[in-house]
């Protein structure tokens, strides 16, 4: 009798640990993606001296540590320097993993990239990701027990069209806020030049995965509301696809608005540019949906 209870408690502890790590990672994506579309950061990371990289890593760690003394991505007590130090190591590690994943996704790190250049890019780009991981819980509160109650959720089911319009509007506003400053830059053509057609499919899959994770898996505020919202595509996957399409439409319009694309350009150029800008736009759209 005692062993099954122990196993159940252990399983719940692992599940809780997994969700905290997931929430931290998606918080990192929310804050880190805009800086990843900055060419100067790629260059600086390519030639910087190792001692400077060590300094950047140390300053990032200390910043995260100071923040973890009062807050952090885990929902736990803030007693003790050791606890904050360990959580800061985790936040830094999550930030590095997320930055590496996106740099590989955008072809800024390939099999031909020298190890010192790759390391420089990863450490510089991991700074906003690590800070995002540390701030995930304080800036984006968790799903509360009150908002999970049937009494609270029942009216949401009845709102129908109004909530769907609010969801679409929030997606559009979030996508524009994040991608508006990226659309007029030279980063999108640069990234498009190195992205093959199969790689674009991977970017589509990653965009959908991150958007789904932020809204439906990370446990941020209003997660259960989004599960219950009705609309054209009522399932979480359907809502994620609809949100992605809206973000792509916003991306295409912004590229046209800033004259990065014109009506005389071939369709495949429109597709490449739009999909690459669609990644940060989709993450911005997901952030916008968390606000409603």
Protein backbone atom coordinates (compact mmCIF):
# COMPACT_ATOMS: atom_id res chain seq x y z
CA UNK A 1 0.00 0.00 0.00
CA UNK A 2 2.84 2.35 0.91
CA UNK A 3 4.81 1.61 -2.27
CA UNK A 4 2.01 2.58 -4.73
CA UNK A 5 1.48 5.86 -2.83
CA UNK A 6 5.21 6.51 -2.94
CA UNK A 7 5.30 5.78 -6.69
CA UNK A 8 2.33 8.08 -7.26
CA UNK A 9 3.99 10.91 -5.31
CA UNK A 10 7.21 10.37 -7.23
CA UNK A 11 5.32 10.45 -10.53
CA UNK A 12 3.57 13.69 -9.53
CA UNK A 13 6.91 15.20 -8.51
CA UNK A 14 8.45 14.34 -11.90
CA UNK A 15 5.39 15.69 -13.70
CA UNK A 16 5.60 18.94 -11.71
CA UNK A 17 9.33 19.19 -12.43
CA UNK A 18 8.72 18.62 -16.15
CA UNK A 19 6.05 21.34 -16.32
CA UNK A 20 8.28 23.82 -14.52
CA UNK A 21 11.09 23.18 -17.00
CA UNK A 22 8.67 23.45 -19.93
CA UNK A 23 7.29 26.75 -18.58
CA UNK A 24 10.81 28.09 -18.16
CA UNK A 25 11.77 27.06 -21.70
CA UNK A 26 8.75 28.65 -23.34
CA UNK A 27 9.29 31.79 -21.23
CA UNK A 28 12.77 31.86 -22.75
CA UNK A 29 11.35 31.64 -26.26
CA UNK A 30 8.99 34.53 -25.57
CA UNK A 31 11.81 36.87 -24.52
CA UNK A 32 14.70 35.55 -26.59
CA UNK A 33 13.34 35.26 -30.13
CA UNK A 34 13.48 39.00 -31.14
CA UNK A 35 17.22 39.24 -30.37
CA UNK A 36 17.89 36.13 -32.45
CA UNK A 37 16.89 38.08 -35.54
CA UNK A 38 19.71 40.58 -35.01
CA UNK A 39 22.62 40.22 -37.42
CA UNK A 40 25.04 42.22 -35.26
CA UNK A 41 24.66 39.73 -32.41
CA UNK A 42 25.56 36.87 -34.80
CA UNK A 43 28.71 38.74 -35.88
CA UNK A 44 29.78 39.72 -32.37
CA UNK A 45 29.43 36.14 -31.23
CA UNK A 46 31.57 35.01 -34.18
CA UNK A 47 34.78 36.82 -33.29
CA UNK A 48 34.63 37.68 -29.60
CA UNK A 49 37.48 36.59 -27.32
CA UNK A 50 36.91 33.62 -24.94
CA UNK A 51 37.57 35.77 -21.88
CA UNK A 52 34.77 38.13 -22.93
CA UNK A 53 32.44 35.17 -23.44
CA UNK A 54 33.26 33.98 -19.95
CA UNK A 55 32.47 37.46 -18.65
CA UNK A 56 29.13 37.52 -20.50
CA UNK A 57 28.27 34.11 -19.08
CA UNK A 58 29.22 35.20 -15.55
CA UNK A 59 27.23 38.46 -15.72
CA UNK A 60 24.20 36.59 -17.07
CA UNK A 61 24.46 34.04 -14.28
CA UNK A 62 24.74 36.74 -11.59
CA UNK A 63 21.76 38.62 -13.03
CA UNK A 64 19.65 35.47 -13.07
CA UNK A 65 20.87 34.59 -9.57
CA UNK A 66 19.86 37.98 -8.13
CA UNK A 67 16.45 37.62 -9.74
CA UNK A 68 16.05 34.08 -8.41
CA UNK A 69 16.62 35.32 -4.87
CA UNK A 70 13.11 36.77 -4.98
CA UNK A 71 11.48 35.11 -8.00
CA UNK A 72 12.23 32.38 -10.51
CA UNK A 73 10.64 29.95 -12.91
CA UNK A 74 9.91 27.46 -10.13
CA UNK A 75 7.00 27.79 -7.73
CA UNK A 76 8.89 27.17 -4.50
CA UNK A 77 10.21 28.92 -1.44
CA UNK A 78 13.06 31.38 -1.96
CA UNK A 79 15.04 30.41 1.12
CA UNK A 80 18.75 29.94 0.83
CA UNK A 81 21.56 30.97 -1.47
CA UNK A 82 22.14 27.36 -2.59
CA UNK A 83 18.59 26.99 -3.90
CA UNK A 84 18.86 30.23 -5.91
CA UNK A 85 22.30 29.21 -7.20
CA UNK A 86 21.03 25.81 -8.39
CA UNK A 87 17.95 27.29 -10.03
CA UNK A 88 20.16 29.87 -11.77
CA UNK A 89 22.30 27.09 -13.24
CA UNK A 90 19.14 25.44 -14.55
CA UNK A 91 17.86 28.72 -16.04
CA UNK A 92 21.20 29.29 -17.75
CA UNK A 93 21.25 25.72 -19.10
CA UNK A 94 17.68 26.02 -20.42
CA UNK A 95 18.57 29.35 -22.06
CA UNK A 96 21.62 27.83 -23.76
CA UNK A 97 19.65 24.81 -25.03
CA UNK A 98 16.83 27.02 -26.40
CA UNK A 99 19.27 29.44 -28.08
CA UNK A 100 21.21 26.56 -29.64
CA UNK A 101 17.98 25.04 -30.96
CA UNK A 102 16.87 28.30 -32.62
CA UNK A 103 20.34 29.08 -34.02
CA UNK A 104 20.42 25.63 -35.66
CA UNK A 105 16.84 26.12 -36.86
CA UNK A 106 17.79 29.43 -38.52
CA UNK A 107 20.98 27.92 -39.99
CA UNK A 108 23.21 30.30 -38.02
CA UNK A 109 24.98 27.20 -36.71
CA UNK A 110 25.61 24.35 -39.12
CA UNK A 111 27.95 21.38 -39.25
CA UNK A 112 30.54 23.62 -40.93
CA UNK A 113 30.52 26.33 -38.25
CA UNK A 114 33.79 26.39 -36.26
CA UNK A 115 33.27 25.40 -32.64
CA UNK A 116 34.55 28.72 -31.22
CA UNK A 117 32.23 30.70 -33.51
CA UNK A 118 29.26 28.49 -32.59
CA UNK A 119 30.06 28.84 -28.91
CA UNK A 120 30.22 32.63 -29.18
CA UNK A 121 26.86 32.82 -30.93
CA UNK A 122 25.21 30.50 -28.42
CA UNK A 123 26.51 32.36 -25.36
CA UNK A 124 25.49 35.78 -26.67
CA UNK A 125 22.09 34.62 -27.83
CA UNK A 126 21.45 32.69 -24.63
CA UNK A 127 21.45 35.90 -22.55
CA UNK A 128 17.85 36.97 -23.32
CA UNK A 129 16.70 33.35 -23.24
CA UNK A 130 18.12 32.81 -19.75
CA UNK A 131 16.59 36.06 -18.49
CA UNK A 132 13.29 35.00 -20.07
CA UNK A 133 13.44 31.65 -18.26
CA UNK A 134 14.06 33.39 -14.93
CA UNK A 135 11.23 35.90 -15.46
CA UNK A 136 8.73 33.42 -16.92
CA UNK A 137 6.70 32.96 -13.73
CA UNK A 138 6.75 36.57 -12.52
CA UNK A 139 5.77 38.24 -15.81
CA UNK A 140 3.51 35.44 -17.00
CA UNK A 141 1.73 34.04 -13.94
CA UNK A 142 0.74 30.42 -13.71
CA UNK A 143 -2.73 29.03 -14.18
CA UNK A 144 -4.48 29.57 -10.86
CA UNK A 145 -6.84 27.17 -9.12
CA UNK A 146 -9.58 29.82 -9.21
CA UNK A 147 -9.44 30.16 -12.99
CA UNK A 148 -9.54 26.35 -13.26
CA UNK A 149 -12.87 26.06 -11.46
CA UNK A 150 -16.02 25.12 -13.36
CA UNK A 151 -17.80 28.18 -11.96
CA UNK A 152 -15.19 30.42 -13.55
CA UNK A 153 -14.90 28.53 -16.83
CA UNK A 154 -18.60 27.99 -17.56
CA UNK A 155 -19.29 31.55 -18.86
CA UNK A 156 -16.30 31.27 -21.20
CA UNK A 157 -17.96 28.39 -23.06
CA UNK A 158 -20.96 30.61 -23.78
CA UNK A 159 -19.12 33.61 -25.20
CA UNK A 160 -18.54 31.93 -28.57
CA UNK A 161 -18.01 34.41 -31.38
CA UNK A 162 -16.94 37.28 -29.11
CA UNK A 163 -14.12 35.30 -27.51
CA UNK A 164 -13.02 33.97 -30.89
CA UNK A 165 -12.74 37.51 -32.26
CA UNK A 166 -10.84 38.58 -29.14
CA UNK A 167 -8.47 35.61 -29.61
CA UNK A 168 -7.83 36.49 -33.27
CA UNK A 169 -7.32 40.18 -32.45
CA UNK A 170 -4.87 39.34 -29.66
CA UNK A 171 -2.94 37.06 -32.02
CA UNK A 172 -2.75 39.80 -34.65
CA UNK A 173 -1.65 42.49 -32.20
CA UNK A 174 0.97 40.25 -30.58
CA UNK A 175 2.36 39.21 -33.98
CA UNK A 176 2.64 42.84 -35.15
CA UNK A 177 4.29 44.04 -31.93
CA UNK A 178 7.05 41.40 -32.09
CA UNK A 179 7.60 41.22 -35.86
CA UNK A 180 7.17 44.89 -36.76
CA UNK A 181 10.75 45.78 -35.85
CA UNK A 182 12.16 42.69 -37.65
CA UNK A 183 10.25 43.01 -40.95
CA UNK A 184 12.20 46.04 -42.37
CA UNK A 185 15.67 44.66 -41.53
CA UNK A 186 18.09 42.70 -43.73
CA UNK A 187 17.97 39.67 -41.45
CA UNK A 188 14.99 38.07 -43.22
CA UNK A 189 16.64 38.07 -46.73
CA UNK A 190 19.86 36.80 -45.14
CA UNK A 191 18.08 33.95 -43.41
CA UNK A 192 16.05 33.17 -46.54
CA UNK A 193 19.22 32.77 -48.58
CA UNK A 194 20.41 29.90 -46.40
CA UNK A 195 17.09 28.12 -45.81
CA UNK A 196 16.31 25.23 -48.14
CA UNK A 197 12.76 24.06 -48.84
CA UNK A 198 12.93 21.07 -46.42
CA UNK A 199 14.35 23.39 -43.79
CA UNK A 200 11.35 25.69 -44.20
CA UNK A 201 9.11 22.74 -43.34
CA UNK A 202 11.07 22.31 -40.11
CA UNK A 203 10.59 26.02 -39.35
CA UNK A 204 6.83 25.62 -39.87
CA UNK A 205 6.78 22.65 -37.48
CA UNK A 206 8.87 24.52 -34.90
CA UNK A 207 6.63 27.62 -35.13
CA UNK A 208 3.52 25.52 -34.51
CA UNK A 209 5.19 23.57 -31.69
CA UNK A 210 6.38 26.67 -29.82
CA UNK A 211 3.05 28.47 -30.27
CA UNK A 212 1.15 25.41 -29.01
CA UNK A 213 3.50 25.01 -26.06
CA UNK A 214 3.23 28.64 -24.93
CA UNK A 215 -0.58 28.73 -25.01
CA UNK A 216 -1.63 25.15 -24.22
CA UNK A 217 1.22 23.33 -22.42
CA UNK A 218 3.36 25.73 -20.39
CA UNK A 219 0.71 26.35 -17.72
CA UNK A 220 0.71 30.15 -18.06
CA UNK A 221 -2.36 32.14 -17.02
CA UNK A 222 -5.65 31.48 -18.85
CA UNK A 223 -4.46 28.16 -20.32
CA UNK A 224 -7.75 26.42 -19.52
CA UNK A 225 -9.72 29.29 -21.01
CA UNK A 226 -7.96 28.78 -24.33
CA UNK A 227 -8.72 25.08 -24.21
CA UNK A 228 -12.43 25.91 -23.85
CA UNK A 229 -12.71 28.76 -26.33
CA UNK A 230 -14.93 27.83 -29.25
CA UNK A 231 -14.22 28.93 -32.78
CA UNK A 232 -13.76 27.85 -36.37
CA UNK A 233 -11.24 25.21 -35.30
CA UNK A 234 -12.22 24.22 -31.73
CA UNK A 235 -9.32 21.90 -30.84
CA UNK A 236 -6.03 23.25 -29.43
CA UNK A 237 -4.19 22.08 -32.56
CA UNK A 238 -6.79 23.76 -34.78
CA UNK A 239 -6.53 27.00 -32.80
CA UNK A 240 -2.74 26.84 -33.06
CA UNK A 241 -2.92 26.42 -36.85
CA UNK A 242 -5.41 29.29 -37.15
CA UNK A 243 -3.18 31.51 -35.02
CA UNK A 244 -0.19 30.57 -37.19
CA UNK A 245 -2.05 31.46 -40.40
CA UNK A 246 -3.04 34.83 -38.92
CA UNK A 247 0.59 35.46 -37.94
CA UNK A 248 1.76 34.55 -41.45
CA UNK A 249 -0.79 36.94 -42.96
CA UNK A 250 0.44 39.71 -40.65
CA UNK A 251 4.05 38.88 -41.58
CA UNK A 252 3.34 39.06 -45.32
CA UNK A 253 1.57 42.41 -44.93
CA UNK A 254 4.43 43.85 -42.86
CA UNK A 255 7.02 42.72 -45.43
CA UNK A 256 4.97 44.36 -48.17
CA UNK A 257 4.41 47.49 -46.05
CA UNK A 258 8.17 47.93 -45.55
CA UNK A 259 8.83 47.27 -49.23
CA UNK A 260 10.81 44.10 -48.54
CA UNK A 261 8.46 42.37 -50.97
CA UNK A 262 6.48 43.67 -53.91
CA UNK A 263 3.70 42.23 -56.02
CA UNK A 264 6.19 41.59 -58.82
CA UNK A 265 8.31 39.27 -56.65
CA UNK A 266 7.91 35.51 -57.25
CA UNK A 267 5.63 33.53 -54.96
CA UNK A 268 8.42 31.40 -53.53
CA UNK A 269 10.21 34.55 -52.31
CA UNK A 270 6.99 35.65 -50.59
CA UNK A 271 6.71 32.19 -49.06
CA UNK A 272 10.31 32.09 -47.77
CA UNK A 273 10.28 35.57 -46.28
CA UNK A 274 6.85 35.11 -44.75
CA UNK A 275 7.67 31.77 -43.12
CA UNK A 276 10.90 33.12 -41.62
CA UNK A 277 9.22 36.22 -40.23
CA UNK A 278 6.31 34.00 -39.21
CA UNK A 279 8.39 32.35 -36.47
CA UNK A 280 8.76 35.45 -34.25
CA UNK A 281 5.31 36.67 -35.33
CA UNK A 282 3.74 33.41 -34.18
CA UNK A 283 5.47 33.63 -30.81
CA UNK A 284 4.26 37.23 -30.49
CA UNK A 285 0.78 36.06 -31.38
CA UNK A 286 0.93 33.41 -28.67
CA UNK A 287 2.03 36.04 -26.16
CA UNK A 288 -0.90 38.21 -27.21
CA UNK A 289 -3.34 35.35 -26.62
CA UNK A 290 -2.01 34.90 -23.08
CA UNK A 291 -3.11 38.45 -22.33
CA UNK A 292 -6.83 37.82 -22.89
